[in-house]
C-alpha atoms as a PDB file:
ATOM      1  CA  MET A   1      -0.035   0.017   0.280  1.00  0.00           C
ATOM      2  CA  ASN A   2       1.141   3.496  -0.819  1.00  0.00           C
ATOM      3  CA  SER A   3       2.172   6.168   1.752  1.00  0.00           C
ATOM      4  CA  TYR A   4      -0.713   8.312   2.610  1.00  0.00           C
ATOM      5  CA  HIS A   5      -1.032  12.089   1.849  1.00  0.00           C
ATOM      6  CA  HIS A   6      -1.340  13.901   5.167  1.00  0.00           C
ATOM      7  CA  GLY A   7      -3.880  16.443   3.575  1.00  0.00           C
ATOM      8  CA  ASN A   8      -6.628  13.602   3.635  1.00  0.00           C
ATOM      9  CA  LEU A   9      -5.298  11.436   6.102  1.00  0.00           C
ATOM     10  CA  LYS A  10      -8.191  10.579   8.161  1.00  0.00           C
ATOM     11  CA  LYS A  11     -10.346   9.635   5.096  1.00  0.00           C
ATOM     12  CA  GLU A  12      -7.412   7.325   3.654  1.00  0.00           C
ATOM     13  CA  LEU A  13      -6.941   5.666   6.836  1.00  0.00           C
ATOM     14  CA  LEU A  14     -10.756   5.302   7.701  1.00  0.00           C
ATOM     15  CA  ASP A  15     -10.988   3.705   3.686  1.00  0.00           C
ATOM     16  CA  CYS A  16      -7.903   1.470   4.821  1.00  0.00           C
ATOM     17  CA  ALA A  17      -9.695   0.556   8.007  1.00  0.00           C
ATOM     18  CA  LEU A  18     -12.853  -0.483   6.145  1.00  0.00           C
ATOM     19  CA  LYS A  19     -10.973  -2.643   3.876  1.00  0.00           C
ATOM     20  CA  MET A  20      -9.108  -4.071   6.902  1.00  0.00           C
ATOM     21  CA  CYS A  21     -12.309  -4.985   8.865  1.00  0.00           C
ATOM     22  CA  GLU A  22     -13.960  -6.727   5.840  1.00  0.00           C
ATOM     23  CA  ARG A  23     -10.544  -8.626   5.127  1.00  0.00           C
ATOM     24  CA  ASP A  24      -9.794  -9.741   8.544  1.00  0.00           C
ATOM     25  CA  GLY A  25     -12.657  -8.822  10.949  1.00  0.00           C
ATOM     26  CA  TYR A  26     -13.066  -6.198  13.184  1.00  0.00           C
ATOM     27  CA  THR A  27     -11.306  -7.807  16.139  1.00  0.00           C
ATOM     28  CA  LYS A  28      -8.265  -7.699  14.264  1.00  0.00           C
ATOM     29  CA  LEU A  29      -8.418  -4.205  13.567  1.00  0.00           C
ATOM     30  CA  SER A  30      -6.690  -1.832  15.751  1.00  0.00           C
ATOM     31  CA  ILE A  31      -4.825   1.506  15.522  1.00  0.00           C
ATOM     32  CA  ARG A  32      -1.425  -0.225  15.463  1.00  0.00           C
ATOM     33  CA  SER A  33      -2.467  -2.485  12.801  1.00  0.00           C
ATOM     34  CA  LEU A  34      -4.026   0.381  10.689  1.00  0.00           C
ATOM     35  CA  ALA A  35      -0.663   2.223  10.914  1.00  0.00           C
ATOM     36  CA  LYS A  36       1.323  -0.421   9.906  1.00  0.00           C
ATOM     37  CA  GLU A  37      -1.441  -1.405   6.738  1.00  0.00           C
ATOM     38  CA  SER A  38      -1.227   2.229   5.991  1.00  0.00           C
ATOM     39  CA  ASN A  39       2.477   2.621   6.026  1.00  0.00           C
ATOM     40  CA  VAL A  40       2.243   5.829   8.316  1.00  0.00           C
ATOM     41  CA  SER A  41       4.029   6.236  11.805  1.00  0.00           C
ATOM     42  CA  GLN A  42       2.233   4.437  14.729  1.00  0.00           C
ATOM     43  CA  THR A  43       1.554   7.572  16.328  1.00  0.00           C
ATOM     44  CA  ALA A  44      -0.307   9.351  12.839  1.00  0.00           C
ATOM     45  CA  PRO A  45      -3.479   7.721  13.299  1.00  0.00           C
ATOM     46  CA  TYR A  46      -3.950   9.060  17.128  1.00  0.00           C
ATOM     47  CA  ARG A  47      -4.468  12.301  15.822  1.00  0.00           C
ATOM     48  CA  HIS A  48      -7.934  11.220  14.468  1.00  0.00           C
ATOM     49  CA  PHE A  49      -8.659   8.049  16.604  1.00  0.00           C
ATOM     50  CA  LYS A  50      -7.856   8.330  20.127  1.00  0.00           C
ATOM     51  CA  THR A  51      -8.713   4.553  20.983  1.00  0.00           C
ATOM     52  CA  LYS A  52      -9.864   1.538  19.281  1.00  0.00           C
ATOM     53  CA  GLU A  53     -13.521   2.187  20.063  1.00  0.00           C
ATOM     54  CA  ASP A  54     -13.036   5.631  18.203  1.00  0.00           C
ATOM     55  CA  LEU A  55     -11.985   3.785  15.281  1.00  0.00           C
ATOM     56  CA  TYR A  56     -14.527   1.065  15.533  1.00  0.00           C
ATOM     57  CA  ALA A  57     -17.282   4.048  15.862  1.00  0.00           C
ATOM     58  CA  GLU A  58     -16.025   5.556  12.697  1.00  0.00           C
ATOM     59  CA  VAL A  59     -16.297   2.371  10.624  1.00  0.00           C
ATOM     60  CA  ALA A  60     -19.592   1.724  12.172  1.00  0.00           C
ATOM     61  CA  ILE A  61     -20.874   5.406  10.992  1.00  0.00           C
ATOM     62  CA  GLU A  62     -19.789   4.368   7.358  1.00  0.00           C
ATOM     63  CA  GLY A  63     -21.351   1.236   7.583  1.00  0.00           C
ATOM     64  CA  PHE A  64     -24.872   2.628   8.931  1.00  0.00           C
ATOM     65  CA  ASN A  65     -24.531   5.272   6.229  1.00  0.00           C
ATOM     66  CA  LYS A  66     -23.963   2.874   3.323  1.00  0.00           C
ATOM     67  CA  ILE A  67     -26.842   0.698   4.384  1.00  0.00           C
ATOM     68  CA  HIS A  68     -29.163   3.687   4.826  1.00  0.00           C
ATOM     69  CA  LYS A  69     -28.289   4.797   1.229  1.00  0.00           C
ATOM     70  CA  ALA A  70     -28.900   1.236   0.124  1.00  0.00           C
ATOM     71  CA  ILE A  71     -32.692   0.863   1.603  1.00  0.00           C
ATOM     72  CA  SER A  72     -33.669   4.782   1.325  1.00  0.00           C
ATOM     73  CA  LYS A  73     -33.289   4.853  -2.422  1.00  0.00           C
ATOM     74  CA  TYR A  74     -36.602   3.052  -3.178  1.00  0.00           C
ATOM     75  CA  ASP A  75     -39.542   5.663  -3.124  1.00  0.00           C
ATOM     76  CA  SER A  76     -42.207   4.471  -5.276  1.00  0.00           C
ATOM     77  CA  ASN A  77     -45.937   4.834  -4.858  1.00  0.00           C
ATOM     78  CA  ASP A  78     -46.031   1.428  -3.905  1.00  0.00           C
ATOM     79  CA  SER A  79     -45.290   0.964  -0.221  1.00  0.00           C
ATOM     80  CA  LYS A  80     -44.988  -2.890  -0.078  1.00  0.00           C
ATOM     81  CA  ARG A  81     -42.723  -2.961  -3.093  1.00  0.00           C
ATOM     82  CA  ASN A  82     -40.656  -0.353  -1.266  1.00  0.00           C
ATOM     83  CA  LEU A  83     -40.757  -2.626   2.016  1.00  0.00           C
ATOM     84  CA  ILE A  84     -39.489  -5.615  -0.023  1.00  0.00           C
ATOM     85  CA  ASP A  85     -36.836  -4.035  -1.931  1.00  0.00           C
ATOM     86  CA  GLY A  86     -35.694  -2.197   1.022  1.00  0.00           C
ATOM     87  CA  THR A  87     -35.417  -5.340   3.077  1.00  0.00           C
ATOM     88  CA  LYS A  88     -33.541  -7.341   0.160  1.00  0.00           C
ATOM     89  CA  ALA A  89     -31.162  -4.351   0.030  1.00  0.00           C
ATOM     90  CA  TYR A  90     -30.478  -4.416   3.587  1.00  0.00           C
ATOM     91  CA  ILE A  91     -30.214  -8.222   3.552  1.00  0.00           C
ATOM     92  CA  LYS A  92     -27.443  -7.852   0.589  1.00  0.00           C
ATOM     93  CA  PHE A  93     -25.596  -5.501   2.318  1.00  0.00           C
ATOM     94  CA  GLY A  94     -25.416  -7.801   5.541  1.00  0.00           C
ATOM     95  CA  LEU A  95     -24.165 -10.446   3.236  1.00  0.00           C
ATOM     96  CA  LYS A  96     -21.564  -8.625   1.269  1.00  0.00           C
ATOM     97  CA  ASN A  97     -20.319  -6.533   4.349  1.00  0.00           C
ATOM     98  CA  ALA A  98     -20.347  -9.461   6.986  1.00  0.00           C
ATOM     99  CA  ASN A  99     -17.891  -8.082   8.994  1.00  0.00           C
ATOM    100  CA  THR A 100     -18.652  -4.442   9.200  1.00  0.00           C
ATOM    101  CA  TYR A 101     -22.118  -5.656  10.001  1.00  0.00           C
ATOM    102  CA  ASP A 102     -21.050  -7.676  12.802  1.00  0.00           C
ATOM    103  CA  LEU A 103     -19.470  -4.497  14.314  1.00  0.00           C
ATOM    104  CA  MET A 104     -22.342  -2.414  13.505  1.00  0.00           C
ATOM    105  CA  PHE A 105     -24.550  -4.592  15.418  1.00  0.00           C
ATOM    106  CA  GLY A 106     -22.422  -6.199  17.675  1.00  0.00           C
ATOM    107  CA  THR A 107     -21.276  -4.919  21.403  1.00  0.00           C
ATOM    108  CA  ALA A 108     -17.939  -3.740  20.684  1.00  0.00           C
ATOM    109  CA  ILE A 109     -19.082  -0.304  20.882  1.00  0.00           C
ATOM    110  CA  LYS A 110     -21.194  -0.311  23.989  1.00  0.00           C
ATOM    111  CA  ASP A 111     -22.857   3.110  24.062  1.00  0.00           C
ATOM    112  CA  PHE A 112     -23.637   4.684  20.596  1.00  0.00           C
ATOM    113  CA  THR A 113     -24.685   8.221  22.304  1.00  0.00           C
ATOM    114  CA  LYS A 114     -20.955   8.703  23.168  1.00  0.00           C
ATOM    115  CA  TYR A 115     -20.297   9.103  19.450  1.00  0.00           C
ATOM    116  CA  PRO A 116     -23.518  11.380  18.239  1.00  0.00           C
ATOM    117  CA  MET A 117     -22.659  10.915  14.487  1.00  0.00           C
ATOM    118  CA  LEU A 118     -22.848   7.042  15.089  1.00  0.00           C
ATOM    119  CA  PHE A 119     -26.066   7.375  16.977  1.00  0.00           C
ATOM    120  CA  GLU A 120     -27.697   9.443  14.016  1.00  0.00           C
ATOM    121  CA  ALA A 121     -26.604   7.183  11.703  1.00  0.00           C
ATOM    122  CA  ALA A 122     -27.804   4.129  13.150  1.00  0.00           C
ATOM    123  CA  ASN A 123     -31.053   5.491  13.948  1.00  0.00           C
ATOM    124  CA  LYS A 124     -31.774   7.032  10.705  1.00  0.00           C
ATOM    125  CA  THR A 125     -31.682   3.566   9.500  1.00  0.00           C
ATOM    126  CA  TYR A 126     -34.281   2.234  11.955  1.00  0.00           C
ATOM    127  CA  LEU A 127     -36.558   5.491  11.351  1.00  0.00           C
ATOM    128  CA  HIS A 128     -36.496   4.904   7.613  1.00  0.00           C
ATOM    129  CA  ILE A 129     -37.737   1.412   8.344  1.00  0.00           C
ATOM    130  CA  ARG A 130     -40.395   2.558  10.520  1.00  0.00           C
ATOM    131  CA  SER A 131     -41.628   5.593   8.000  1.00  0.00           C
ATOM    132  CA  THR A 132     -41.578   2.861   5.274  1.00  0.00           C
ATOM    133  CA  PHE A 133     -43.761   0.485   7.068  1.00  0.00           C
ATOM    134  CA  LYS A 134     -45.994   3.173   8.442  1.00  0.00           C
ATOM    135  CA  GLU A 135     -46.973   4.213   4.957  1.00  0.00           C
ATOM    136  CA  PHE A 136     -47.881   0.587   4.099  1.00  0.00           C
ATOM    137  CA  SER A 137     -49.676  -0.395   7.332  1.00  0.00           C
ATOM    138  CA  LYS A 138     -53.481  -0.059   7.599  1.00  0.00           C
ATOM    139  CA  ASN A 139     -53.023   0.321  11.305  1.00  0.00           C
ATOM    140  CA  LYS A 140     -51.316   3.832  12.130  1.00  0.00           C
ATOM    141  CA  ASP A 141     -51.540   3.039  16.088  1.00  0.00           C
ATOM    142  CA  ASP A 142     -47.904   4.205  17.183  1.00  0.00           C
ATOM    143  CA  LEU A 143     -47.205   1.280  19.526  1.00  0.00           C
ATOM    144  CA  TYR A 144     -48.515  -1.588  16.700  1.00  0.00           C
ATOM    145  CA  ILE A 145     -45.953   0.469  14.269  1.00  0.00           C
ATOM    146  CA  GLU A 146     -43.081   0.485  16.750  1.00  0.00           C
ATOM    147  CA  GLU A 147     -43.613  -3.368  17.674  1.00  0.00           C
ATOM    148  CA  SER A 148     -44.087  -4.217  14.184  1.00  0.00           C
ATOM    149  CA  CYS A 149     -40.883  -2.300  13.067  1.00  0.00           C
ATOM    150  CA  ILE A 150     -39.123  -4.504  15.801  1.00  0.00           C
ATOM    151  CA  ASP A 151     -40.725  -7.905  14.301  1.00  0.00           C
ATOM    152  CA  ILE A 152     -39.266  -6.773  10.572  1.00  0.00           C
ATOM    153  CA  TRP A 153     -35.853  -5.851  12.101  1.00  0.00           C
ATOM    154  CA  ALA A 154     -35.611  -9.222  13.763  1.00  0.00           C
ATOM    155  CA  LYS A 155     -36.822 -10.679  10.625  1.00  0.00           C
ATOM    156  CA  ILE A 156     -33.986  -9.006   8.655  1.00  0.00           C
ATOM    157  CA  HIS A 157     -31.316  -9.895  11.126  1.00  0.00           C
ATOM    158  CA  GLY A 158     -32.289 -13.440  11.149  1.00  0.00           C
ATOM    159  CA  MET A 159     -32.395 -13.795   7.460  1.00  0.00           C
ATOM    160  CA  VAL A 160     -28.882 -12.187   7.183  1.00  0.00           C
ATOM    161  CA  GLY A 161     -27.600 -14.533   9.763  1.00  0.00           C
ATOM    162  CA  LEU A 162     -29.347 -17.594   8.228  1.00  0.00           C
ATOM    163  CA  LEU A 163     -28.263 -16.769   4.769  1.00  0.00           C
ATOM    164  CA  ARG A 164     -24.747 -16.256   5.818  1.00  0.00           C
ATOM    165  CA  LYS A 165     -24.469 -19.491   7.432  1.00  0.00           C
ATOM    166  CA  LEU A 166     -25.956 -21.275   3.986  1.00  0.00           C
ATOM    167  CA  GLU A 167     -23.087 -19.751   2.206  1.00  0.00           C
ATOM    168  CA  VAL A 168     -20.609 -21.787   4.127  1.00  0.00           C
ATOM    169  CA  VAL A 169     -22.410 -25.045   4.819  1.00  0.00           C
ATOM    170  CA  PRO A 170     -21.566 -28.014   2.761  1.00  0.00           C
ATOM    171  CA  VAL A 171     -23.891 -28.650   0.036  1.00  0.00           C
ATOM    172  CA  LYS A 172     -24.722 -32.162   0.863  1.00  0.00           C
ATOM    173  CA  LEU A 173     -26.313 -30.469   4.116  1.00  0.00           C
ATOM    174  CA  VAL A 174     -28.721 -28.384   2.056  1.00  0.00           C
ATOM    175  CA  GLU A 175     -30.331 -31.339   0.840  1.00  0.00           C
ATOM    176  CA  MET A 176     -30.158 -33.449   4.182  1.00  0.00           C
ATOM    177  CA  PRO A 177     -33.605 -34.010   5.874  1.00  0.00           C
ATOM    178  CA  ASP A 178     -34.537 -32.772   9.134  1.00  0.00           C
ATOM    179  CA  THR A 179     -32.312 -29.721   8.866  1.00  0.00           C
ATOM    180  CA  PRO A 180     -33.775 -26.070   7.963  1.00  0.00           C
ATOM    181  CA  PHE A 181     -31.357 -25.634   5.269  1.00  0.00           C
ATOM    182  CA  LYS A 182     -33.252 -26.918   2.514  1.00  0.00           C
ATOM    183  CA  ALA A 183     -35.809 -24.417   3.226  1.00  0.00           C
ATOM    184  CA  ILE A 184     -33.403 -21.457   3.586  1.00  0.00           C
ATOM    185  CA  ASN A 185     -31.946 -22.240   0.244  1.00  0.00           C
ATOM    186  CA  LEU A 186     -35.573 -22.400  -1.507  1.00  0.00           C
ATOM    187  CA  ILE A 187     -36.049 -18.854   0.268  1.00  0.00           C
ATOM    188  CA  SER A 188     -32.951 -17.545  -1.168  1.00  0.00           C
ATOM    189  CA  LYS A 189     -33.746 -18.510  -4.449  1.00  0.00           C
ATOM    190  CA  ASN A 190     -37.169 -16.709  -4.130  1.00  0.00           C
ATOM    191  CA  LEU A 191     -36.740 -13.878  -1.915  1.00  0.00           C
ATOM    192  CA  ASP A 192     -39.463 -11.734  -3.243  1.00  0.00           C
ATOM    193  CA  SER A 193     -42.264 -14.487  -2.896  1.00  0.00           C
ATOM    194  CA  TYR A 194     -40.913 -14.964   0.838  1.00  0.00           C
ATOM    195  CA  LEU A 195     -40.988 -11.218   1.870  1.00  0.00           C
ATOM    196  CA  GLU A 196     -44.489 -10.530  -0.065  1.00  0.00           C
ATOM    197  CA  LYS A 197     -46.116 -13.401   2.385  1.00  0.00           C
ATOM    198  CA  PHE A 198     -44.217 -12.227   5.190  1.00  0.00           C
ATOM    199  CA  PHE A 199     -45.322  -8.676   4.775  1.00  0.00           C
ATOM    200  CA  ASN A 200     -48.906  -9.802   4.035  1.00  0.00           C
ATOM    201  CA  LYS A 201     -49.209 -10.705   7.838  1.00  0.00           C
ATOM    202  CA  PHE A 202     -49.154  -7.256   8.833  1.00  0.00           C
END
């Protein structure tokens, strides 16, 4: 990797951190490893990230901004279609950016309010899901909307986890009886139909 230009050091360090997070997992990401990967002095990243948690927070902010961008581009007059397409985009992000996703939704950063930009980035993702569902739902009761959105979010997270598992299990397991993987594989091949039926329950 080429040495970084000091005029945009933070951005280039962050770009490097995002790549390292996906390549190695966030547990391998540290300020020291980032400095080594970036060909800068051990002290240089500390001008921008005081602690490892600060670095994690910046990576998570980028992740939440990307997932929000992915799900919020669907804005047709068909609210159910927006939900389905947004959910698919969310799942796609979780599969493509698995290690960043684990950092975003794990416990490595315990208090998002410590990082206002992270709190805002994470919350706007939820608020988008809520507003999209509210447009779709015939029941506009606030408590119903909130509880339904948690159901939806739990479904999305569950699907990300199951589809990630499907990617790594042996092929023979997909056809083995009395396991869930055959059904998961069928769902993965027709996610639209599955999500259509899921949202019809609301």
